[in-house]
Amino acid sequence: MHFAQLPQVEAAAVPADGLLLDVREDDEWAAGHVEGALHIPMGQVVARFDELTAAAGEGRRVHVMCRVGGRSAQVTQYLVAQGLDAVNVDGGMLAWDAAGRPMVSGPDGTAEGAFVL
């Protein structure tokens, strides 16, 4: 059996205006996340699929991320199977942080104190 390679992108290569789907849990999101990212925990992706497709619109690429890339790889695989243009952010939020990309935290979205949980 032959499996296609999962599409991936480095955290540093995600466009600033790209659609970012964060599939981490609520506590992880609260600790630190990318401003403007769509937050749908992995366990809710199927139930909230319409919300995701509305955000993606016609042909907009979905950059999927979690903490290190395992959960987001599974979600990316599902989204690709559903016909969406989705890519896994290799290394997840840890790679995002290591690349010096901006993060915010808490309900008010401040940059101060943001970290990867």
Protein backbone atom coordinates (compact mmCIF):
# COMPACT_ATOMS: atom_id res chain seq x y z
CA MET A 1 0.00 0.00 0.00
CA HIS A 2 1.30 3.49 -0.85
CA PHE A 3 0.57 6.54 1.27
CA ALA A 4 1.10 10.09 0.03
CA GLN A 5 3.46 12.19 2.12
CA LEU A 6 1.70 14.56 4.48
CA PRO A 7 2.05 18.17 3.29
CA GLN A 8 4.16 20.18 5.75
CA VAL A 9 5.52 23.69 6.10
CA GLU A 10 8.16 25.13 8.43
CA ALA A 11 6.82 27.52 11.08
CA ALA A 12 9.02 30.32 9.73
CA ALA A 13 7.41 29.92 6.29
CA VAL A 14 3.77 30.36 7.36
CA PRO A 15 2.54 33.62 5.79
CA ALA A 16 1.65 36.36 8.28
CA ASP A 17 -1.84 36.55 6.76
CA GLY A 18 -2.26 32.77 6.44
CA LEU A 19 -5.17 30.87 7.97
CA LEU A 20 -3.82 29.09 11.03
CA LEU A 21 -5.86 26.35 12.72
CA ASP A 22 -4.70 25.58 16.27
CA VAL A 23 -5.97 22.15 17.40
CA ARG A 24 -4.57 22.24 20.95
CA GLU A 25 -6.69 22.08 24.09
CA ASP A 26 -8.09 25.16 25.83
CA ASP A 27 -5.38 25.33 28.52
CA GLU A 28 -2.63 25.15 25.90
CA TRP A 29 -4.34 27.88 23.86
CA ALA A 30 -4.72 30.15 26.91
CA ALA A 31 -0.99 29.87 27.74
CA GLY A 32 0.09 31.08 24.30
CA HIS A 33 -1.22 31.12 20.75
CA VAL A 34 -0.87 32.90 17.43
CA GLU A 35 -2.98 36.04 17.27
CA GLY A 36 -5.80 35.61 14.76
CA ALA A 37 -5.55 31.81 14.69
CA LEU A 38 -8.74 29.76 14.61
CA HIS A 39 -8.92 27.59 17.72
CA ILE A 40 -10.72 24.27 17.31
CA PRO A 41 -9.43 21.51 19.62
CA MET A 42 -8.68 18.26 17.80
CA GLY A 43 -11.64 16.47 19.36
CA GLN A 44 -14.04 19.11 17.97
CA VAL A 45 -12.78 19.34 14.38
CA VAL A 46 -15.41 17.03 12.89
CA ALA A 47 -18.28 18.71 14.77
CA ARG A 48 -17.06 22.20 13.86
CA PHE A 49 -16.03 21.39 10.28
CA ASP A 50 -18.50 23.94 8.82
CA GLU A 51 -16.86 26.69 10.89
CA LEU A 52 -13.49 25.72 9.47
CA THR A 53 -14.67 25.57 5.86
CA ALA A 54 -16.33 28.98 6.26
CA ALA A 55 -13.02 30.43 7.48
CA ALA A 56 -11.10 28.72 4.68
CA GLY A 57 -13.42 29.97 1.95
CA GLU A 58 -12.59 29.01 -1.61
CA GLY A 59 -9.14 27.48 -1.90
CA ARG A 60 -7.52 29.18 1.10
CA ARG A 61 -4.73 27.04 2.57
CA VAL A 62 -5.20 25.90 6.16
CA HIS A 63 -1.99 25.75 8.24
CA VAL A 64 -2.65 23.27 11.06
CA MET A 65 -0.68 23.33 14.29
CA CYS A 66 -0.54 21.82 17.75
CA ARG A 67 2.28 21.71 20.31
CA VAL A 68 4.81 19.58 18.41
CA GLY A 69 3.04 18.37 15.26
CA GLY A 70 1.46 15.00 16.12
CA ARG A 71 -2.17 16.03 16.61
CA SER A 72 -1.99 18.55 13.80
CA ALA A 73 -0.64 15.87 11.44
CA GLN A 74 -3.72 13.75 12.12
CA VAL A 75 -6.06 16.71 11.58
CA THR A 76 -4.18 17.70 8.41
CA GLN A 77 -4.63 14.17 7.07
CA TYR A 78 -8.38 14.37 7.77
CA LEU A 79 -8.72 17.82 6.15
CA VAL A 80 -6.83 16.75 3.03
CA ALA A 81 -9.12 13.70 2.77
CA GLN A 82 -12.09 16.11 2.92
CA GLY A 83 -10.68 18.05 -0.05
CA LEU A 84 -9.21 21.05 1.79
CA ASP A 85 -5.81 22.53 1.00
CA ALA A 86 -4.24 21.83 4.40
CA VAL A 87 -0.63 21.61 5.58
CA ASN A 88 0.88 20.57 8.89
CA VAL A 89 3.10 23.15 10.60
CA ASP A 90 6.21 21.07 11.23
CA GLY A 91 7.24 21.22 14.89
CA GLY A 92 4.05 23.02 15.95
CA MET A 93 4.04 25.80 18.51
CA LEU A 94 7.47 24.80 19.81
CA ALA A 95 8.92 25.47 16.35
CA TRP A 96 6.84 28.65 16.04
CA ASP A 97 8.28 29.96 19.31
CA ALA A 98 11.83 28.85 18.39
CA ALA A 99 11.51 30.74 15.08
CA GLY A 100 10.72 33.91 17.02
CA ARG A 101 7.21 34.19 15.61
CA PRO A 102 4.82 36.30 17.72
CA MET A 103 2.42 34.81 20.28
CA VAL A 104 -0.22 36.18 22.60
CA SER A 105 -1.88 34.74 25.71
CA GLY A 106 -4.98 34.96 27.84
CA PRO A 107 -8.42 36.29 27.02
CA ASP A 108 -7.12 39.80 26.31
CA GLY A 109 -4.51 38.57 23.81
CA THR A 110 -1.44 40.23 25.29
CA ALA A 111 2.05 39.25 24.20
CA GLU A 112 3.43 39.52 27.72
CA GLY A 113 3.74 36.14 29.39
CA ALA A 114 2.83 34.03 26.34
CA PHE A 115 4.45 30.61 26.36
CA VAL A 116 3.98 27.14 24.87
CA LEU A 117 2.32 24.73 27.27
